[in-house]
PDB file of N, CA and C in Angstrom:
ATOM      1  N   MET A   1     -49.853  41.574 154.127  1.00  0.00           N
ATOM      2  CA  MET A   1     -50.427  41.062 155.362  1.00  0.00           C
ATOM      3  C   MET A   1     -51.035  42.220 156.149  1.00  0.00           C
ATOM      4  N   ASN A   2     -52.147  41.932 156.762  1.00  0.00           N
ATOM      5  CA  ASN A   2     -52.789  42.995 157.522  1.00  0.00           C
ATOM      6  C   ASN A   2     -52.211  43.057 158.934  1.00  0.00           C
ATOM      7  N   GLU A   3     -52.020  44.277 159.385  1.00  0.00           N
ATOM      8  CA  GLU A   3     -51.522  44.508 160.738  1.00  0.00           C
ATOM      9  C   GLU A   3     -52.644  45.123 161.549  1.00  0.00           C
ATOM     10  N   ARG A   4     -52.782  44.665 162.768  1.00  0.00           N
ATOM     11  CA  ARG A   4     -53.806  45.230 163.644  1.00  0.00           C
ATOM     12  C   ARG A   4     -53.309  45.200 165.080  1.00  0.00           C
ATOM     13  N   THR A   5     -53.958  45.982 165.906  1.00  0.00           N
ATOM     14  CA  THR A   5     -53.610  46.059 167.319  1.00  0.00           C
ATOM     15  C   THR A   5     -54.848  45.717 168.135  1.00  0.00           C
ATOM     16  N   GLU A   6     -54.686  44.834 169.101  1.00  0.00           N
ATOM     17  CA  GLU A   6     -55.767  44.453 170.010  1.00  0.00           C
ATOM     18  C   GLU A   6     -55.257  44.572 171.437  1.00  0.00           C
ATOM     19  N   TYR A   7     -56.183  44.571 172.359  1.00  0.00           N
ATOM     20  CA  TYR A   7     -55.837  44.678 173.773  1.00  0.00           C
ATOM     21  C   TYR A   7     -56.162  43.360 174.460  1.00  0.00           C
ATOM     22  N   TRP A   8     -55.176  42.814 175.170  1.00  0.00           N
ATOM     23  CA  TRP A   8     -55.294  41.505 175.804  1.00  0.00           C
ATOM     24  C   TRP A   8     -54.741  41.560 177.218  1.00  0.00           C
ATOM     25  N   TRP A   9     -55.210  40.607 178.056  1.00  0.00           N
ATOM     26  CA  TRP A   9     -54.538  40.313 179.311  1.00  0.00           C
ATOM     27  C   TRP A   9     -53.372  39.415 178.946  1.00  0.00           C
ATOM     28  N   VAL A  10     -52.172  39.772 179.394  1.00  0.00           N
ATOM     29  CA  VAL A  10     -50.958  39.057 179.010  1.00  0.00           C
ATOM     30  C   VAL A  10     -50.222  38.604 180.263  1.00  0.00           C
ATOM     31  N   ARG A  11     -49.736  37.345 180.252  1.00  0.00           N
ATOM     32  CA  ARG A  11     -48.897  36.841 181.340  1.00  0.00           C
ATOM     33  C   ARG A  11     -47.448  36.928 180.876  1.00  0.00           C
ATOM     34  N   HIS A  12     -46.642  37.671 181.640  1.00  0.00           N
ATOM     35  CA  HIS A  12     -45.221  37.849 181.319  1.00  0.00           C
ATOM     36  C   HIS A  12     -44.458  37.935 182.633  1.00  0.00           C
ATOM     37  N   ASP A  13     -43.459  37.090 182.814  1.00  0.00           N
ATOM     38  CA  ASP A  13     -42.670  37.041 184.060  1.00  0.00           C
ATOM     39  C   ASP A  13     -43.568  36.866 185.280  1.00  0.00           C
ATOM     40  N   SER A  14     -44.474  35.922 185.213  1.00  0.00           N
ATOM     41  CA  SER A  14     -45.427  35.552 186.272  1.00  0.00           C
ATOM     42  C   SER A  14     -46.322  36.708 186.705  1.00  0.00           C
ATOM     43  N   GLU A  15     -46.481  37.720 185.877  1.00  0.00           N
ATOM     44  CA  GLU A  15     -47.416  38.812 186.140  1.00  0.00           C
ATOM     45  C   GLU A  15     -48.444  38.850 185.024  1.00  0.00           C
ATOM     46  N   ILE A  16     -49.680  39.159 185.403  1.00  0.00           N
ATOM     47  CA  ILE A  16     -50.741  39.313 184.408  1.00  0.00           C
ATOM     48  C   ILE A  16     -51.117  40.787 184.373  1.00  0.00           C
ATOM     49  N   GLN A  17     -50.964  41.381 183.190  1.00  0.00           N
ATOM     50  CA  GLN A  17     -51.243  42.803 183.023  1.00  0.00           C
ATOM     51  C   GLN A  17     -51.930  43.028 181.684  1.00  0.00           C
ATOM     52  N   PRO A  18     -52.687  44.128 181.561  1.00  0.00           N
ATOM     53  CA  PRO A  18     -53.263  44.446 180.248  1.00  0.00           C
ATOM     54  C   PRO A  18     -52.166  44.970 179.323  1.00  0.00           C
ATOM     55  N   ALA A  19     -52.246  44.565 178.063  1.00  0.00           N
ATOM     56  CA  ALA A  19     -51.219  44.972 177.106  1.00  0.00           C
ATOM     57  C   ALA A  19     -51.837  45.213 175.737  1.00  0.00           C
ATOM     58  N   GLU A  20     -51.136  46.006 174.959  1.00  0.00           N
ATOM     59  CA  GLU A  20     -51.500  46.260 173.567  1.00  0.00           C
ATOM     60  C   GLU A  20     -50.689  45.278 172.722  1.00  0.00           C
ATOM     61  N   VAL A  21     -51.372  44.385 172.024  1.00  0.00           N
ATOM     62  CA  VAL A  21     -50.705  43.321 171.278  1.00  0.00           C
ATOM     63  C   VAL A  21     -50.805  43.628 169.789  1.00  0.00           C
ATOM     64  N   GLY A  22     -49.665  43.576 169.112  1.00  0.00           N
ATOM     65  CA  GLY A  22     -49.631  43.796 167.673  1.00  0.00           C
ATOM     66  C   GLY A  22     -49.661  42.478 166.930  1.00  0.00           C
ATOM     67  N   PHE A  23     -50.594  42.351 165.990  1.00  0.00           N
ATOM     68  CA  PHE A  23     -50.751  41.133 165.194  1.00  0.00           C
ATOM     69  C   PHE A  23     -50.377  41.425 163.748  1.00  0.00           C
ATOM     70  N   VAL A  24     -49.719  40.467 163.121  1.00  0.00           N
ATOM     71  CA  VAL A  24     -49.447  40.529 161.685  1.00  0.00           C
ATOM     72  C   VAL A  24     -49.959  39.230 161.094  1.00  0.00           C
ATOM     73  N   GLY A  25     -50.974  39.330 160.252  1.00  0.00           N
ATOM     74  CA  GLY A  25     -51.555  38.141 159.642  1.00  0.00           C
ATOM     75  C   GLY A  25     -52.178  37.193 160.650  1.00  0.00           C
ATOM     76  N   GLY A  26     -52.691  37.709 161.755  1.00  0.00           N
ATOM     77  CA  GLY A  26     -53.340  36.882 162.765  1.00  0.00           C
ATOM     78  C   GLY A  26     -52.385  36.274 163.776  1.00  0.00           C
ATOM     79  N   ILE A  27     -51.097  36.544 163.675  1.00  0.00           N
ATOM     80  CA  ILE A  27     -50.104  35.989 164.595  1.00  0.00           C
ATOM     81  C   ILE A  27     -49.579  37.120 165.469  1.00  0.00           C
ATOM     82  N   PRO A  28     -49.582  36.938 166.809  1.00  0.00           N
ATOM     83  CA  PRO A  28     -49.046  37.990 167.674  1.00  0.00           C
ATOM     84  C   PRO A  28     -47.539  38.149 167.459  1.00  0.00           C
ATOM     85  N   VAL A  29     -47.104  39.385 167.272  1.00  0.00           N
ATOM     86  CA  VAL A  29     -45.699  39.658 166.991  1.00  0.00           C
ATOM     87  C   VAL A  29     -45.018  40.335 168.177  1.00  0.00           C
ATOM     88  N   HIS A  30     -45.680  41.315 168.769  1.00  0.00           N
ATOM     89  CA  HIS A  30     -45.092  42.038 169.898  1.00  0.00           C
ATOM     90  C   HIS A  30     -46.214  42.516 170.802  1.00  0.00           C
ATOM     91  N   PHE A  31     -45.836  42.914 172.012  1.00  0.00           N
ATOM     92  CA  PHE A  31     -46.815  43.505 172.917  1.00  0.00           C
ATOM     93  C   PHE A  31     -46.145  44.614 173.702  1.00  0.00           C
ATOM     94  N   ARG A  32     -46.990  45.498 174.213  1.00  0.00           N
ATOM     95  CA  ARG A  32     -46.543  46.619 175.035  1.00  0.00           C
ATOM     96  C   ARG A  32     -47.522  46.743 176.184  1.00  0.00           C
ATOM     97  N   PHE A  33     -46.988  46.695 177.405  1.00  0.00           N
ATOM     98  CA  PHE A  33     -47.868  46.870 178.552  1.00  0.00           C
ATOM     99  C   PHE A  33     -48.435  48.281 178.526  1.00  0.00           C
ATOM    100  N   ILE A  34     -49.701  48.391 178.871  1.00  0.00           N
ATOM    101  CA  ILE A  34     -50.361  49.691 178.858  1.00  0.00           C
ATOM    102  C   ILE A  34     -49.723  50.567 179.932  1.00  0.00           C
ATOM    103  N   GLY A  35     -49.288  51.742 179.533  1.00  0.00           N
ATOM    104  CA  GLY A  35     -48.635  52.667 180.452  1.00  0.00           C
ATOM    105  C   GLY A  35     -47.122  52.607 180.394  1.00  0.00           C
ATOM    106  N   THR A  36     -46.557  51.735 179.571  1.00  0.00           N
ATOM    107  CA  THR A  36     -45.103  51.654 179.429  1.00  0.00           C
ATOM    108  C   THR A  36     -44.712  52.020 178.003  1.00  0.00           C
ATOM    109  N   ALA A  37     -43.413  52.196 177.799  1.00  0.00           N
ATOM    110  CA  ALA A  37     -42.950  52.654 176.491  1.00  0.00           C
ATOM    111  C   ALA A  37     -42.375  51.542 175.632  1.00  0.00           C
ATOM    112  N   GLY A  38     -41.710  50.554 176.213  1.00  0.00           N
ATOM    113  CA  GLY A  38     -40.995  49.559 175.426  1.00  0.00           C
ATOM    114  C   GLY A  38     -41.873  48.432 174.918  1.00  0.00           C
ATOM    115  N   ARG A  39     -41.434  47.823 173.807  1.00  0.00           N
ATOM    116  CA  ARG A  39     -42.127  46.663 173.243  1.00  0.00           C
ATOM    117  C   ARG A  39     -41.359  45.402 173.601  1.00  0.00           C
ATOM    118  N   VAL A  40     -42.089  44.298 173.721  1.00  0.00           N
ATOM    119  CA  VAL A  40     -41.498  43.000 174.029  1.00  0.00           C
ATOM    120  C   VAL A  40     -41.964  42.025 172.959  1.00  0.00           C
ATOM    121  N   GLN A  41     -41.104  41.105 172.554  1.00  0.00           N
ATOM    122  CA  GLN A  41     -41.478  40.095 171.565  1.00  0.00           C
ATOM    123  C   GLN A  41     -42.583  39.210 172.130  1.00  0.00           C
ATOM    124  N   ALA A  42     -43.486  38.776 171.280  1.00  0.00           N
ATOM    125  CA  ALA A  42     -44.658  38.018 171.712  1.00  0.00           C
ATOM    126  C   ALA A  42     -44.292  36.627 172.220  1.00  0.00           C
ATOM    127  N   GLU A  43     -43.137  36.085 171.833  1.00  0.00           N
ATOM    128  CA  GLU A  43     -42.760  34.747 172.298  1.00  0.00           C
ATOM    129  C   GLU A  43     -42.530  34.724 173.804  1.00  0.00           C
ATOM    130  N   ALA A  44     -42.259  35.878 174.405  1.00  0.00           N
ATOM    131  CA  ALA A  44     -41.963  35.943 175.830  1.00  0.00           C
ATOM    132  C   ALA A  44     -43.221  36.044 176.679  1.00  0.00           C
ATOM    133  N   ALA A  45     -44.403  35.978 176.067  1.00  0.00           N
ATOM    134  CA  ALA A  45     -45.639  36.174 176.824  1.00  0.00           C
ATOM    135  C   ALA A  45     -46.693  35.168 176.406  1.00  0.00           C
ATOM    136  N   GLU A  46     -47.715  35.074 177.252  1.00  0.00           N
ATOM    137  CA  GLU A  46     -48.855  34.201 176.970  1.00  0.00           C
ATOM    138  C   GLU A  46     -50.114  35.060 176.983  1.00  0.00           C
ATOM    139  N   LEU A  47     -50.897  34.954 175.920  1.00  0.00           N
ATOM    140  CA  LEU A  47     -52.148  35.704 175.855  1.00  0.00           C
ATOM    141  C   LEU A  47     -53.190  34.985 176.694  1.00  0.00           C
ATOM    142  N   ILE A  48     -53.830  35.703 177.596  1.00  0.00           N
ATOM    143  CA  ILE A  48     -54.817  35.104 178.495  1.00  0.00           C
ATOM    144  C   ILE A  48     -56.230  35.307 177.955  1.00  0.00           C
ATOM    145  N   GLU A  49     -56.649  36.553 177.854  1.00  0.00           N
ATOM    146  CA  GLU A  49     -58.026  36.846 177.435  1.00  0.00           C
ATOM    147  C   GLU A  49     -58.047  38.202 176.747  1.00  0.00           C
ATOM    148  N   ARG A  50     -58.861  38.300 175.720  1.00  0.00           N
ATOM    149  CA  ARG A  50     -58.967  39.559 174.982  1.00  0.00           C
ATOM    150  C   ARG A  50     -59.801  40.557 175.770  1.00  0.00           C
ATOM    151  N   LEU A  51     -59.332  41.790 175.813  1.00  0.00           N
ATOM    152  CA  LEU A  51     -60.075  42.858 176.472  1.00  0.00           C
ATOM    153  C   LEU A  51     -61.118  43.410 175.507  1.00  0.00           C
ATOM    154  N   PRO A  52     -62.200  43.985 176.023  1.00  0.00           N
ATOM    155  CA  PRO A  52     -63.195  44.574 175.118  1.00  0.00           C
ATOM    156  C   PRO A  52     -62.596  45.762 174.373  1.00  0.00           C
ATOM    157  N   ALA A  53     -63.187  46.048 173.244  1.00  0.00           N
ATOM    158  CA  ALA A  53     -62.717  47.169 172.419  1.00  0.00           C
ATOM    159  C   ALA A  53     -62.914  48.480 173.169  1.00  0.00           C
ATOM    160  N   PRO A  54     -62.040  49.450 172.955  1.00  0.00           N
ATOM    161  CA  PRO A  54     -62.219  50.738 173.614  1.00  0.00           C
ATOM    162  C   PRO A  54     -63.504  51.401 173.136  1.00  0.00           C
ATOM    163  N   PRO A  55     -64.112  52.235 173.979  1.00  0.00           N
ATOM    164  CA  PRO A  55     -65.377  52.859 173.592  1.00  0.00           C
ATOM    165  C   PRO A  55     -65.211  53.772 172.385  1.00  0.00           C
ATOM    166  N   VAL A  56     -66.225  53.770 171.556  1.00  0.00           N
ATOM    167  CA  VAL A  56     -66.249  54.601 170.352  1.00  0.00           C
ATOM    168  C   VAL A  56     -67.300  55.682 170.566  1.00  0.00           C
ATOM    169  N   PRO A  57     -66.999  56.926 170.224  1.00  0.00           N
ATOM    170  CA  PRO A  57     -68.003  57.968 170.409  1.00  0.00           C
ATOM    171  C   PRO A  57     -69.260  57.682 169.595  1.00  0.00           C
ATOM    172  N   ILE A  58     -70.412  57.914 170.212  1.00  0.00           N
ATOM    173  CA  ILE A  58     -71.689  57.656 169.556  1.00  0.00           C
ATOM    174  C   ILE A  58     -71.921  58.669 168.441  1.00  0.00           C
ATOM    175  N   PHE A  59     -71.659  59.918 168.751  1.00  0.00           N
ATOM    176  CA  PHE A  59     -71.865  60.973 167.773  1.00  0.00           C
ATOM    177  C   PHE A  59     -70.539  61.269 167.089  1.00  0.00           C
ATOM    178  N   LYS A  60     -70.531  61.217 165.787  1.00  0.00           N
ATOM    179  CA  LYS A  60     -69.317  61.531 165.042  1.00  0.00           C
ATOM    180  C   LYS A  60     -69.105  63.037 165.069  1.00  0.00           C
ATOM    181  N   PRO A  61     -67.855  63.478 165.138  1.00  0.00           N
ATOM    182  CA  PRO A  61     -67.618  64.925 165.138  1.00  0.00           C
ATOM    183  C   PRO A  61     -68.121  65.559 163.853  1.00  0.00           C
ATOM    184  N   GLN A  62     -68.815  66.661 164.016  1.00  0.00           N
ATOM    185  CA  GLN A  62     -69.393  67.335 162.860  1.00  0.00           C
ATOM    186  C   GLN A  62     -68.373  68.285 162.251  1.00  0.00           C
ATOM    187  N   VAL A  63     -68.270  68.226 160.960  1.00  0.00           N
ATOM    188  CA  VAL A  63     -67.382  69.126 160.234  1.00  0.00           C
ATOM    189  C   VAL A  63     -68.190  70.356 159.853  1.00  0.00           C
ATOM    190  N   PRO A  64     -67.735  71.537 160.278  1.00  0.00           N
ATOM    191  CA  PRO A  64     -68.511  72.731 159.918  1.00  0.00           C
ATOM    192  C   PRO A  64     -68.488  72.947 158.410  1.00  0.00           C
ATOM    193  N   ALA A  65     -69.666  73.127 157.860  1.00  0.00           N
ATOM    194  CA  ALA A  65     -69.791  73.335 156.420  1.00  0.00           C
ATOM    195  C   ALA A  65     -69.430  74.779 156.091  1.00  0.00           C
ATOM    196  N   ALA A  66     -68.689  74.948 155.033  1.00  0.00           N
ATOM    197  CA  ALA A  66     -68.296  76.286 154.594  1.00  0.00           C
ATOM    198  C   ALA A  66     -69.394  76.839 153.687  1.00  0.00           C
ATOM    199  N   ALA A  67     -70.497  77.219 154.307  1.00  0.00           N
ATOM    200  CA  ALA A  67     -71.636  77.732 153.550  1.00  0.00           C
ATOM    201  C   ALA A  67     -71.466  79.232 153.321  1.00  0.00           C
ATOM    202  N   ALA A  68     -72.089  79.693 152.274  1.00  0.00           N
ATOM    203  CA  ALA A  68     -72.059  81.119 151.972  1.00  0.00           C
ATOM    204  C   ALA A  68     -72.840  81.862 153.051  1.00  0.00           C
ATOM    205  N   PRO A  69     -72.418  83.074 153.389  1.00  0.00           N
ATOM    206  CA  PRO A  69     -73.149  83.818 154.416  1.00  0.00           C
ATOM    207  C   PRO A  69     -74.584  84.080 153.970  1.00  0.00           C
ATOM    208  N   SER A  70     -75.509  83.791 154.856  1.00  0.00           N
ATOM    209  CA  SER A  70     -76.923  83.955 154.511  1.00  0.00           C
ATOM    210  C   SER A  70     -77.389  85.365 154.865  1.00  0.00           C
ATOM    211  N   LYS A  71     -78.480  85.753 154.254  1.00  0.00           N
ATOM    212  CA  LYS A  71     -79.050  87.069 154.497  1.00  0.00           C
ATOM    213  C   LYS A  71     -79.749  87.057 155.856  1.00  0.00           C
ATOM    214  N   PRO A  72     -79.696  88.155 156.582  1.00  0.00           N
ATOM    215  CA  PRO A  72     -80.402  88.200 157.863  1.00  0.00           C
ATOM    216  C   PRO A  72     -81.913  88.106 157.652  1.00  0.00           C
ATOM    217  N   GLN A  73     -82.565  87.411 158.542  1.00  0.00           N
ATOM    218  CA  GLN A  73     -84.012  87.211 158.427  1.00  0.00           C
ATOM    219  C   GLN A  73     -84.717  88.291 159.241  1.00  0.00           C
ATOM    220  N   LYS A  74     -85.154  89.315 158.579  1.00  0.00           N
ATOM    221  CA  LYS A  74     -85.824  90.403 159.278  1.00  0.00           C
ATOM    222  C   LYS A  74     -87.226  90.002 159.701  1.00  0.00           C
ATOM    223  N   SER A  75     -87.907  89.202 158.889  1.00  0.00           N
ATOM    224  CA  SER A  75     -89.258  88.799 159.260  1.00  0.00           C
ATOM    225  C   SER A  75     -89.226  87.864 160.471  1.00  0.00           C
ATOM    226  N   GLY A  76     -88.185  87.067 160.590  1.00  0.00           N
ATOM    227  CA  GLY A  76     -88.063  86.167 161.738  1.00  0.00           C
ATOM    228  C   GLY A  76     -87.845  86.937 163.025  1.00  0.00           C
ATOM    229  N   SER A  77     -87.037  87.995 162.968  1.00  0.00           N
ATOM    230  CA  SER A  77     -86.794  88.779 164.177  1.00  0.00           C
ATOM    231  C   SER A  77     -88.075  89.496 164.607  1.00  0.00           C
ATOM    232  N   LEU A  78     -88.899  89.935 163.650  1.00  0.00           N
ATOM    233  CA  LEU A  78     -90.177  90.555 163.980  1.00  0.00           C
ATOM    234  C   LEU A  78     -91.108  89.533 164.630  1.00  0.00           C
ATOM    235  N   LEU A  79     -91.067  88.313 164.137  1.00  0.00           N
ATOM    236  CA  LEU A  79     -91.893  87.254 164.710  1.00  0.00           C
ATOM    237  C   LEU A  79     -91.481  86.960 166.153  1.00  0.00           C
ATOM    238  N   TRP A  80     -90.173  86.941 166.421  1.00  0.00           N
ATOM    239  CA  TRP A  80     -89.708  86.741 167.793  1.00  0.00           C
ATOM    240  C   TRP A  80     -90.177  87.889 168.690  1.00  0.00           C
ATOM    241  N   PHE A  81     -90.095  89.108 168.204  1.00  0.00           N
ATOM    242  CA  PHE A  81     -90.507  90.270 168.990  1.00  0.00           C
ATOM    243  C   PHE A  81     -91.983  90.179 169.357  1.00  0.00           C
ATOM    244  N   ILE A  82     -92.821  89.837 168.382  1.00  0.00           N
ATOM    245  CA  ILE A  82     -94.262  89.703 168.641  1.00  0.00           C
ATOM    246  C   ILE A  82     -94.514  88.556 169.614  1.00  0.00           C
ATOM    247  N   GLY A  83     -93.792  87.461 169.466  1.00  0.00           N
ATOM    248  CA  GLY A  83     -93.963  86.324 170.367  1.00  0.00           C
ATOM    249  C   GLY A  83     -93.596  86.657 171.800  1.00  0.00           C
ATOM    250  N   ILE A  84     -92.518  87.405 171.987  1.00  0.00           N
ATOM    251  CA  ILE A  84     -92.112  87.791 173.345  1.00  0.00           C
ATOM    252  C   ILE A  84     -93.119  88.754 173.949  1.00  0.00           C
ATOM    253  N   LEU A  85     -93.623  89.700 173.148  1.00  0.00           N
ATOM    254  CA  LEU A  85     -94.660  90.605 173.654  1.00  0.00           C
ATOM    255  C   LEU A  85     -95.911  89.833 174.059  1.00  0.00           C
ATOM    256  N   LEU A  86     -96.304  88.859 173.256  1.00  0.00           N
ATOM    257  CA  LEU A  86     -97.468  88.041 173.578  1.00  0.00           C
ATOM    258  C   LEU A  86     -97.238  87.240 174.857  1.00  0.00           C
ATOM    259  N   LEU A  87     -96.037  86.719 175.030  1.00  0.00           N
ATOM    260  CA  LEU A  87     -95.712  85.964 176.239  1.00  0.00           C
ATOM    261  C   LEU A  87     -95.774  86.857 177.471  1.00  0.00           C
ATOM    262  N   ILE A  88     -95.248  88.064 177.381  1.00  0.00           N
ATOM    263  CA  ILE A  88     -95.316  89.005 178.504  1.00  0.00           C
ATOM    264  C   ILE A  88     -96.767  89.343 178.819  1.00  0.00           C
ATOM    265  N   PHE A  89     -97.583  89.544 177.801  1.00  0.00           N
ATOM    266  CA  PHE A  89     -99.001  89.852 178.007  1.00  0.00           C
ATOM    267  C   PHE A  89     -99.713  88.704 178.725  1.00  0.00           C
ATOM    268  N   VAL A  90     -99.448  87.471 178.312  1.00  0.00           N
ATOM    269  CA  VAL A  90    -100.092  86.315 178.943  1.00  0.00           C
ATOM    270  C   VAL A  90     -99.660  86.190 180.392  1.00  0.00           C
ATOM    271  N   VAL A  91     -98.387  86.413 180.679  1.00  0.00           N
ATOM    272  CA  VAL A  91     -97.901  86.310 182.057  1.00  0.00           C
ATOM    273  C   VAL A  91     -98.537  87.390 182.923  1.00  0.00           C
ATOM    274  N   GLN A  92     -98.659  88.596 182.410  1.00  0.00           N
ATOM    275  CA  GLN A  92     -99.228  89.690 183.186  1.00  0.00           C
ATOM    276  C   GLN A  92    -100.723  89.504 183.437  1.00  0.00           C
ATOM    277  N   CYS A  93    -101.426  88.917 182.486  1.00  0.00           N
ATOM    278  CA  CYS A  93    -102.877  88.812 182.596  1.00  0.00           C
ATOM    279  C   CYS A  93    -103.347  87.451 183.101  1.00  0.00           C
ATOM    280  N   SER A  94    -102.461  86.509 183.306  1.00  0.00           N
ATOM    281  CA  SER A  94    -102.920  85.174 183.678  1.00  0.00           C
ATOM    282  C   SER A  94    -103.520  85.146 185.078  1.00  0.00           C
ATOM    283  N   GLY A  95    -103.030  85.978 185.987  1.00  0.00           N
ATOM    284  CA  GLY A  95    -103.584  86.011 187.343  1.00  0.00           C
ATOM    285  C   GLY A  95    -105.033  86.472 187.357  1.00  0.00           C
ATOM    286  N   PRO A  96    -105.357  87.641 186.794  1.00  0.00           N
ATOM    287  CA  PRO A  96    -106.749  88.104 186.779  1.00  0.00           C
ATOM    288  C   PRO A  96    -107.666  87.183 185.973  1.00  0.00           C
ATOM    289  N   ILE A  97    -107.175  86.623 184.878  1.00  0.00           N
ATOM    290  CA  ILE A  97    -108.010  85.711 184.085  1.00  0.00           C
ATOM    291  C   ILE A  97    -108.324  84.459 184.897  1.00  0.00           C
ATOM    292  N   PHE A  98    -107.338  83.934 185.611  1.00  0.00           N
ATOM    293  CA  PHE A  98    -107.560  82.751 186.440  1.00  0.00           C
ATOM    294  C   PHE A  98    -108.562  83.059 187.552  1.00  0.00           C
ATOM    295  N   ASP A  99    -108.439  84.246 188.171  1.00  0.00           N
ATOM    296  CA  ASP A  99    -109.384  84.622 189.226  1.00  0.00           C
ATOM    297  C   ASP A  99    -110.797  84.773 188.670  1.00  0.00           C
ATOM    298  N   ALA A 100    -110.944  85.282 187.445  1.00  0.00           N
ATOM    299  CA  ALA A 100    -112.264  85.451 186.843  1.00  0.00           C
ATOM    300  C   ALA A 100    -112.889  84.095 186.534  1.00  0.00           C
ATOM    301  N   ILE A 101    -112.073  83.123 186.139  1.00  0.00           N
ATOM    302  CA  ILE A 101    -112.606  81.788 185.833  1.00  0.00           C
ATOM    303  C   ILE A 101    -113.060  81.089 187.108  1.00  0.00           C
ATOM    304  N   LYS A 102    -112.355  81.308 188.207  1.00  0.00           N
ATOM    305  CA  LYS A 102    -112.724  80.677 189.467  1.00  0.00           C
ATOM    306  C   LYS A 102    -114.067  81.175 189.884  1.00  0.00           C
TER     307      LYS A 102
END
């Protein structure tokens, strides 16, 4: 038989509270009020309404791959250096170029 746990509004001793309800084969067997430790037999309670499922993370946790260490990319670092120099040049010269275009 399959066992599952669902969350329901439960009436017990004239109080309605959210509870974690344990089902075996589709039949409620026990419940536990959320925030308490003890379990109560399901015959002592009335199920009112099912609560929505708890939120599930959208992004699954990524497992870091144990890849072999890669070689450093020397050509990439040179490309970054040239790009930063070009960016500095554009920032320094953009004022006079803009004034010349005006």
